[in-house]
N, C-alpha and C. Protein backbone atom coordinates (compact mmCIF):
# COMPACT_ATOMS: atom_id res chain seq x y z
N MET A 1 -34.04 6.04 -29.97
CA MET A 1 -33.00 5.22 -29.43
C MET A 1 -32.97 3.87 -30.14
N ARG A 2 -34.14 3.31 -30.39
CA ARG A 2 -34.22 2.02 -31.05
C ARG A 2 -33.61 2.10 -32.44
N GLU A 3 -33.86 3.22 -33.13
CA GLU A 3 -33.30 3.41 -34.47
C GLU A 3 -31.78 3.40 -34.43
N PHE A 4 -31.23 4.12 -33.49
CA PHE A 4 -29.78 4.18 -33.36
C PHE A 4 -29.21 2.79 -33.08
N ASN A 5 -29.83 2.09 -32.12
CA ASN A 5 -29.34 0.76 -31.76
C ASN A 5 -29.44 -0.23 -32.92
N SER A 6 -30.49 -0.13 -33.71
CA SER A 6 -30.64 -1.06 -34.83
C SER A 6 -29.57 -0.83 -35.89
N GLY A 7 -29.06 0.39 -35.99
CA GLY A 7 -28.03 0.69 -36.98
C GLY A 7 -26.61 0.55 -36.45
N TYR A 8 -26.48 0.26 -35.17
CA TYR A 8 -25.15 0.19 -34.56
C TYR A 8 -24.56 -1.20 -34.75
N ASP A 9 -23.31 -1.27 -35.18
CA ASP A 9 -22.61 -2.54 -35.37
C ASP A 9 -21.30 -2.48 -34.60
N TYR A 10 -21.23 -3.17 -33.49
CA TYR A 10 -20.04 -3.18 -32.65
C TYR A 10 -18.83 -3.73 -33.40
N PHE A 11 -19.06 -4.68 -34.26
CA PHE A 11 -17.98 -5.36 -34.95
C PHE A 11 -17.57 -4.67 -36.26
N ASP A 12 -18.17 -3.54 -36.56
CA ASP A 12 -17.86 -2.83 -37.79
C ASP A 12 -16.38 -2.44 -37.83
N GLY A 13 -15.70 -2.83 -38.89
CA GLY A 13 -14.30 -2.50 -39.06
C GLY A 13 -13.34 -3.53 -38.48
N MET A 14 -13.86 -4.60 -37.86
CA MET A 14 -13.00 -5.63 -37.29
C MET A 14 -12.83 -6.77 -38.30
N ASP A 15 -11.66 -7.38 -38.28
CA ASP A 15 -11.48 -8.57 -39.12
C ASP A 15 -11.99 -9.79 -38.34
N ALA A 16 -11.99 -10.96 -38.97
CA ALA A 16 -12.58 -12.16 -38.38
C ALA A 16 -11.89 -12.54 -37.06
N GLU A 17 -10.58 -12.39 -37.00
CA GLU A 17 -9.86 -12.75 -35.78
C GLU A 17 -10.23 -11.82 -34.62
N GLU A 18 -10.36 -10.53 -34.89
CA GLU A 18 -10.74 -9.57 -33.84
C GLU A 18 -12.16 -9.84 -33.35
N ILE A 19 -13.06 -10.20 -34.26
CA ILE A 19 -14.45 -10.52 -33.88
C ILE A 19 -14.46 -11.76 -32.98
N LEU A 20 -13.70 -12.78 -33.36
CA LEU A 20 -13.64 -14.01 -32.57
C LEU A 20 -13.08 -13.72 -31.17
N ARG A 21 -12.03 -12.90 -31.10
CA ARG A 21 -11.45 -12.53 -29.80
C ARG A 21 -12.45 -11.75 -28.95
N ALA A 22 -13.21 -10.83 -29.57
CA ALA A 22 -14.19 -10.02 -28.83
C ALA A 22 -15.36 -10.86 -28.34
N GLN A 23 -15.67 -11.95 -29.03
CA GLN A 23 -16.77 -12.82 -28.62
C GLN A 23 -16.35 -13.85 -27.58
N SER A 24 -15.06 -13.96 -27.33
CA SER A 24 -14.54 -14.93 -26.38
C SER A 24 -14.98 -14.56 -24.97
N PRO A 25 -15.31 -15.56 -24.15
CA PRO A 25 -15.69 -15.27 -22.75
C PRO A 25 -14.54 -14.64 -21.95
N LEU A 26 -13.32 -14.80 -22.42
CA LEU A 26 -12.17 -14.25 -21.71
C LEU A 26 -11.82 -12.85 -22.19
N HIS A 27 -12.60 -12.30 -23.11
CA HIS A 27 -12.30 -10.97 -23.65
C HIS A 27 -12.26 -9.92 -22.53
N GLY A 28 -11.21 -9.17 -22.52
CA GLY A 28 -11.05 -8.12 -21.51
C GLY A 28 -10.27 -8.56 -20.29
N TRP A 29 -10.03 -9.85 -20.14
CA TRP A 29 -9.30 -10.35 -18.98
C TRP A 29 -7.80 -10.36 -19.19
N GLN A 30 -7.34 -9.89 -20.33
CA GLN A 30 -5.90 -9.88 -20.59
C GLN A 30 -5.20 -8.82 -19.75
N THR A 31 -5.89 -7.76 -19.41
CA THR A 31 -5.28 -6.70 -18.61
C THR A 31 -5.31 -7.11 -17.14
N GLN A 32 -4.31 -6.66 -16.41
CA GLN A 32 -4.23 -7.02 -15.00
C GLN A 32 -4.81 -5.91 -14.14
N THR A 33 -5.67 -6.30 -13.23
CA THR A 33 -6.17 -5.34 -12.27
C THR A 33 -5.11 -5.11 -11.22
N ARG A 34 -5.27 -4.10 -10.40
CA ARG A 34 -4.26 -3.74 -9.41
C ARG A 34 -3.94 -4.91 -8.49
N ALA A 35 -4.92 -5.67 -8.08
CA ALA A 35 -4.69 -6.76 -7.14
C ALA A 35 -3.88 -7.90 -7.75
N PHE A 36 -3.91 -8.03 -9.07
CA PHE A 36 -3.24 -9.15 -9.71
C PHE A 36 -1.92 -8.76 -10.37
N ARG A 37 -1.55 -7.47 -10.30
CA ARG A 37 -0.26 -7.06 -10.87
C ARG A 37 0.87 -7.62 -10.03
N PRO A 38 2.05 -7.81 -10.61
CA PRO A 38 3.18 -8.33 -9.83
C PRO A 38 3.57 -7.46 -8.64
N ASP A 39 3.28 -6.16 -8.70
CA ASP A 39 3.63 -5.26 -7.60
C ASP A 39 2.47 -5.03 -6.65
N ALA A 40 1.53 -5.96 -6.60
CA ALA A 40 0.32 -5.77 -5.80
C ALA A 40 0.59 -5.78 -4.31
N GLY A 41 1.71 -6.27 -3.86
CA GLY A 41 2.00 -6.33 -2.43
C GLY A 41 2.26 -4.99 -1.80
N VAL A 42 2.30 -3.92 -2.60
CA VAL A 42 2.61 -2.60 -2.07
C VAL A 42 1.59 -2.17 -1.04
N ASP A 43 0.32 -2.44 -1.28
CA ASP A 43 -0.70 -1.99 -0.34
C ASP A 43 -1.17 -3.13 0.57
N HIS A 44 -0.30 -4.07 0.84
CA HIS A 44 -0.53 -5.19 1.74
C HIS A 44 -1.55 -6.19 1.22
N SER A 45 -1.92 -6.09 -0.05
CA SER A 45 -2.73 -7.15 -0.62
C SER A 45 -1.79 -8.22 -1.14
N PRO A 46 -2.27 -9.45 -1.30
CA PRO A 46 -1.37 -10.53 -1.71
C PRO A 46 -0.73 -10.26 -3.05
N ARG A 47 0.51 -10.67 -3.20
CA ARG A 47 1.18 -10.65 -4.50
C ARG A 47 0.79 -11.96 -5.17
N TRP A 48 -0.28 -11.91 -5.95
CA TRP A 48 -0.87 -13.11 -6.53
C TRP A 48 0.14 -13.89 -7.36
N SER A 49 1.10 -13.21 -7.96
CA SER A 49 2.07 -13.91 -8.80
C SER A 49 3.01 -14.79 -7.98
N ASP A 50 3.05 -14.60 -6.66
CA ASP A 50 3.92 -15.41 -5.81
C ASP A 50 3.28 -16.74 -5.42
N PHE A 51 2.03 -16.95 -5.77
CA PHE A 51 1.30 -18.12 -5.33
C PHE A 51 0.70 -18.87 -6.51
N ALA A 52 0.76 -20.20 -6.43
CA ALA A 52 0.17 -21.02 -7.48
C ALA A 52 -1.34 -21.13 -7.29
N ASP A 53 -1.78 -21.07 -6.05
CA ASP A 53 -3.19 -21.23 -5.72
C ASP A 53 -3.67 -19.97 -4.99
N PRO A 54 -4.79 -19.38 -5.41
CA PRO A 54 -5.29 -18.18 -4.71
C PRO A 54 -5.55 -18.42 -3.22
N LEU A 55 -5.92 -19.64 -2.86
CA LEU A 55 -6.15 -19.92 -1.44
C LEU A 55 -4.87 -19.80 -0.63
N GLU A 56 -3.73 -20.12 -1.23
CA GLU A 56 -2.44 -19.94 -0.54
C GLU A 56 -2.18 -18.46 -0.27
N ALA A 57 -2.54 -17.62 -1.23
CA ALA A 57 -2.35 -16.17 -1.05
C ALA A 57 -3.24 -15.66 0.08
N ILE A 58 -4.46 -16.13 0.12
CA ILE A 58 -5.39 -15.71 1.17
C ILE A 58 -4.90 -16.22 2.52
N GLN A 59 -4.41 -17.46 2.55
CA GLN A 59 -3.90 -18.03 3.79
C GLN A 59 -2.68 -17.27 4.29
N ALA A 60 -1.78 -16.89 3.39
CA ALA A 60 -0.59 -16.14 3.79
C ALA A 60 -0.98 -14.78 4.35
N ARG A 61 -1.98 -14.16 3.75
CA ARG A 61 -2.45 -12.85 4.23
C ARG A 61 -3.07 -13.00 5.62
N ALA A 62 -3.84 -14.07 5.82
CA ALA A 62 -4.46 -14.31 7.13
C ALA A 62 -3.40 -14.57 8.20
N ARG A 63 -2.37 -15.34 7.84
CA ARG A 63 -1.29 -15.60 8.81
C ARG A 63 -0.57 -14.31 9.19
N ALA A 64 -0.33 -13.46 8.21
CA ALA A 64 0.33 -12.18 8.49
C ALA A 64 -0.55 -11.33 9.41
N HIS A 65 -1.86 -11.38 9.20
CA HIS A 65 -2.79 -10.62 10.05
C HIS A 65 -2.74 -11.15 11.49
N VAL A 66 -2.75 -12.46 11.65
CA VAL A 66 -2.68 -13.06 12.98
C VAL A 66 -1.37 -12.69 13.66
N LYS A 67 -0.28 -12.70 12.91
CA LYS A 67 1.03 -12.34 13.46
C LYS A 67 1.03 -10.89 13.95
N ARG A 68 0.40 -9.98 13.17
CA ARG A 68 0.31 -8.58 13.59
C ARG A 68 -0.54 -8.45 14.85
N ARG A 69 -1.63 -9.19 14.92
CA ARG A 69 -2.51 -9.12 16.09
C ARG A 69 -1.77 -9.64 17.33
N GLN A 70 -0.98 -10.69 17.17
CA GLN A 70 -0.22 -11.22 18.30
C GLN A 70 0.83 -10.21 18.74
N ALA A 71 1.43 -9.52 17.81
CA ALA A 71 2.42 -8.49 18.16
C ALA A 71 1.75 -7.35 18.92
N ASP A 72 0.49 -7.06 18.59
CA ASP A 72 -0.23 -6.00 19.29
C ASP A 72 -0.45 -6.34 20.76
N LEU A 73 -0.49 -7.62 21.08
CA LEU A 73 -0.79 -8.05 22.44
C LEU A 73 0.46 -8.17 23.32
N ARG A 74 1.65 -8.06 22.74
CA ARG A 74 2.87 -8.14 23.53
C ARG A 74 2.97 -6.97 24.50
N PRO A 75 3.53 -7.19 25.69
CA PRO A 75 3.61 -6.13 26.69
C PRO A 75 4.37 -4.89 26.22
N GLU A 76 5.44 -5.08 25.45
CA GLU A 76 6.21 -3.91 25.00
C GLU A 76 5.42 -3.04 24.03
N ASN A 77 4.37 -3.59 23.42
CA ASN A 77 3.55 -2.82 22.49
C ASN A 77 2.32 -2.20 23.16
N ALA A 78 2.11 -2.50 24.44
CA ALA A 78 0.94 -1.98 25.14
C ALA A 78 1.02 -0.47 25.34
N ARG A 79 2.20 0.07 25.25
CA ARG A 79 2.41 1.51 25.46
C ARG A 79 1.80 2.35 24.33
N PHE A 80 1.73 1.76 23.14
CA PHE A 80 1.27 2.50 21.96
C PHE A 80 0.01 1.87 21.36
N THR A 81 -0.81 2.70 20.77
CA THR A 81 -1.98 2.21 20.03
C THR A 81 -1.50 1.61 18.70
N PRO A 82 -2.35 0.85 18.02
CA PRO A 82 -1.94 0.31 16.72
C PRO A 82 -1.51 1.39 15.72
N ASN A 83 -2.21 2.52 15.70
CA ASN A 83 -1.83 3.62 14.79
C ASN A 83 -0.46 4.18 15.16
N GLU A 84 -0.22 4.29 16.46
CA GLU A 84 1.09 4.80 16.91
C GLU A 84 2.21 3.81 16.58
N ARG A 85 1.93 2.52 16.66
CA ARG A 85 2.94 1.53 16.27
C ARG A 85 3.24 1.60 14.78
N ARG A 86 2.21 1.84 13.97
CA ARG A 86 2.46 2.01 12.53
C ARG A 86 3.30 3.27 12.28
N ALA A 87 3.05 4.31 13.06
CA ALA A 87 3.86 5.53 12.95
C ALA A 87 5.30 5.27 13.35
N LEU A 88 5.50 4.47 14.39
CA LEU A 88 6.86 4.10 14.79
C LEU A 88 7.56 3.33 13.66
N ASP A 89 6.82 2.43 13.03
CA ASP A 89 7.39 1.67 11.90
C ASP A 89 7.76 2.61 10.76
N ALA A 90 6.92 3.60 10.50
CA ALA A 90 7.19 4.56 9.42
C ALA A 90 8.48 5.34 9.69
N LEU A 91 8.76 5.57 10.97
CA LEU A 91 9.98 6.29 11.35
C LEU A 91 11.15 5.35 11.59
N GLY A 92 10.88 4.05 11.58
CA GLY A 92 11.94 3.07 11.81
C GLY A 92 12.40 3.02 13.25
N LEU A 93 11.46 3.16 14.18
CA LEU A 93 11.79 3.19 15.60
C LEU A 93 11.19 2.00 16.32
N ALA A 94 11.82 1.60 17.43
CA ALA A 94 11.33 0.50 18.26
C ALA A 94 10.36 1.05 19.30
N ALA A 95 9.68 0.13 19.99
CA ALA A 95 8.67 0.52 20.98
C ALA A 95 9.28 1.11 22.25
N ASP A 96 10.58 0.95 22.45
CA ASP A 96 11.21 1.47 23.66
C ASP A 96 11.80 2.88 23.47
N VAL A 97 11.33 3.59 22.48
CA VAL A 97 11.86 4.90 22.12
C VAL A 97 11.48 5.95 23.17
N ASP A 98 12.35 6.92 23.37
CA ASP A 98 12.03 8.04 24.25
C ASP A 98 11.82 9.29 23.38
N ARG A 99 11.38 10.37 24.02
CA ARG A 99 11.05 11.60 23.29
C ARG A 99 12.27 12.17 22.55
N LYS A 100 13.44 12.13 23.18
CA LYS A 100 14.65 12.69 22.55
C LYS A 100 15.04 11.90 21.30
N THR A 101 14.99 10.58 21.37
CA THR A 101 15.32 9.74 20.23
C THR A 101 14.32 9.95 19.10
N LEU A 102 13.04 10.10 19.46
CA LEU A 102 12.00 10.38 18.47
C LEU A 102 12.32 11.68 17.73
N ARG A 103 12.64 12.71 18.47
CA ARG A 103 12.95 14.01 17.87
C ARG A 103 14.20 13.93 16.97
N LEU A 104 15.24 13.24 17.41
CA LEU A 104 16.46 13.10 16.61
C LEU A 104 16.19 12.34 15.31
N ARG A 105 15.41 11.27 15.40
CA ARG A 105 15.08 10.48 14.20
C ARG A 105 14.26 11.32 13.23
N TYR A 106 13.29 12.05 13.75
CA TYR A 106 12.45 12.92 12.91
C TYR A 106 13.31 13.96 12.19
N THR A 107 14.22 14.59 12.90
CA THR A 107 15.09 15.61 12.31
C THR A 107 15.96 15.01 11.21
N ARG A 108 16.51 13.82 11.47
CA ARG A 108 17.36 13.17 10.47
C ARG A 108 16.56 12.82 9.21
N LEU A 109 15.35 12.29 9.38
CA LEU A 109 14.52 11.94 8.23
C LEU A 109 14.06 13.18 7.46
N LEU A 110 13.79 14.27 8.18
CA LEU A 110 13.44 15.52 7.51
C LEU A 110 14.57 15.98 6.60
N ARG A 111 15.77 15.94 7.13
CA ARG A 111 16.93 16.34 6.33
C ARG A 111 17.13 15.42 5.13
N GLN A 112 16.85 14.16 5.33
CA GLN A 112 17.05 13.19 4.26
C GLN A 112 16.05 13.36 3.13
N PHE A 113 14.79 13.64 3.46
CA PHE A 113 13.73 13.65 2.44
C PHE A 113 13.29 15.04 1.99
N HIS A 114 13.63 16.09 2.70
CA HIS A 114 13.16 17.43 2.33
C HIS A 114 13.87 17.91 1.07
N PRO A 115 13.14 18.49 0.10
CA PRO A 115 13.75 18.96 -1.15
C PRO A 115 14.83 20.01 -0.95
N ASP A 116 14.73 20.81 0.09
CA ASP A 116 15.74 21.84 0.33
C ASP A 116 17.09 21.24 0.72
N HIS A 117 17.07 20.01 1.21
CA HIS A 117 18.30 19.36 1.65
C HIS A 117 18.85 18.35 0.65
N ASN A 118 18.08 18.04 -0.40
CA ASN A 118 18.58 17.06 -1.37
C ASN A 118 18.50 17.60 -2.80
N GLY A 119 18.90 18.82 -2.97
CA GLY A 119 19.02 19.40 -4.30
C GLY A 119 17.71 19.69 -5.01
N GLY A 120 16.64 19.90 -4.29
CA GLY A 120 15.36 20.21 -4.91
C GLY A 120 14.61 19.01 -5.45
N ASP A 121 15.06 17.80 -5.10
CA ASP A 121 14.43 16.57 -5.57
C ASP A 121 13.10 16.36 -4.83
N HIS A 122 12.00 16.39 -5.56
CA HIS A 122 10.67 16.24 -4.95
C HIS A 122 10.16 14.81 -5.02
N SER A 123 11.01 13.87 -5.41
CA SER A 123 10.56 12.48 -5.55
C SER A 123 10.25 11.82 -4.20
N TYR A 124 10.73 12.41 -3.12
CA TYR A 124 10.48 11.85 -1.80
C TYR A 124 9.33 12.56 -1.08
N ALA A 125 8.51 13.27 -1.80
CA ALA A 125 7.45 14.07 -1.16
C ALA A 125 6.48 13.21 -0.36
N SER A 126 6.07 12.07 -0.90
CA SER A 126 5.12 11.23 -0.17
C SER A 126 5.78 10.62 1.07
N ARG A 127 7.03 10.25 0.96
CA ARG A 127 7.75 9.71 2.12
C ARG A 127 7.91 10.79 3.19
N LEU A 128 8.24 12.01 2.77
CA LEU A 128 8.36 13.13 3.70
C LEU A 128 7.03 13.37 4.42
N GLN A 129 5.95 13.33 3.67
CA GLN A 129 4.63 13.55 4.26
C GLN A 129 4.31 12.47 5.29
N SER A 130 4.64 11.22 4.98
CA SER A 130 4.35 10.15 5.95
C SER A 130 5.21 10.30 7.21
N VAL A 131 6.44 10.77 7.07
CA VAL A 131 7.30 11.01 8.23
C VAL A 131 6.72 12.11 9.11
N VAL A 132 6.29 13.20 8.49
CA VAL A 132 5.72 14.32 9.25
C VAL A 132 4.44 13.88 9.96
N GLU A 133 3.57 13.16 9.25
CA GLU A 133 2.31 12.70 9.86
C GLU A 133 2.59 11.74 11.02
N ALA A 134 3.55 10.85 10.85
CA ALA A 134 3.89 9.91 11.92
C ALA A 134 4.42 10.66 13.14
N TYR A 135 5.28 11.63 12.92
CA TYR A 135 5.82 12.40 14.04
C TYR A 135 4.72 13.19 14.75
N GLN A 136 3.84 13.81 13.98
CA GLN A 136 2.75 14.58 14.58
C GLN A 136 1.85 13.69 15.44
N LEU A 137 1.61 12.48 14.98
CA LEU A 137 0.79 11.55 15.76
C LEU A 137 1.51 11.13 17.03
N LEU A 138 2.79 10.81 16.90
CA LEU A 138 3.54 10.31 18.06
C LEU A 138 3.81 11.37 19.11
N ILE A 139 4.07 12.58 18.68
CA ILE A 139 4.42 13.63 19.65
C ILE A 139 3.21 13.97 20.55
N LYS A 140 2.00 13.69 20.05
CA LYS A 140 0.78 13.94 20.84
C LYS A 140 0.39 12.71 21.67
N SER A 141 1.13 11.62 21.53
CA SER A 141 0.81 10.37 22.20
C SER A 141 0.94 10.50 23.72
N THR A 142 0.09 9.79 24.42
CA THR A 142 0.18 9.79 25.89
C THR A 142 1.43 9.04 26.35
N ALA A 143 2.02 8.24 25.48
CA ALA A 143 3.24 7.51 25.84
C ALA A 143 4.41 8.46 26.08
N PHE A 144 4.36 9.65 25.53
CA PHE A 144 5.44 10.62 25.70
C PHE A 144 5.07 11.76 26.65
N ALA A 145 3.95 11.62 27.33
CA ALA A 145 3.50 12.69 28.23
C ALA A 145 4.28 12.72 29.53
């Protein structure tokens, strides 16, 4: 192993500018990780590009979390668990929904996203799956018993 390492030259084939760039402490930081990409807000992490200071991004995320927690404590939300409320959001329904409205909304979304109803387009497969999972969770809820 020592023999191999002694003969190995990382900079072999690089010109002076490439060597200087590779020796820079910032080398490798040019690429954006998922959290720092402009579309990072997709998974509820801060969109770092929207903030000049990282602490502002963290503060905005904390405020959003507090706002969600306060919404969880409202009387109209007491009927559903947090997971069930997320399922309602996925279906675009309010907390005052009844079983019939739930079923009608589910049927409409199935028709909208199912490949058999939109010309074989499978681009909505993940959205269709989230609709089905949300409905399955809600239909078993004690709120509809």
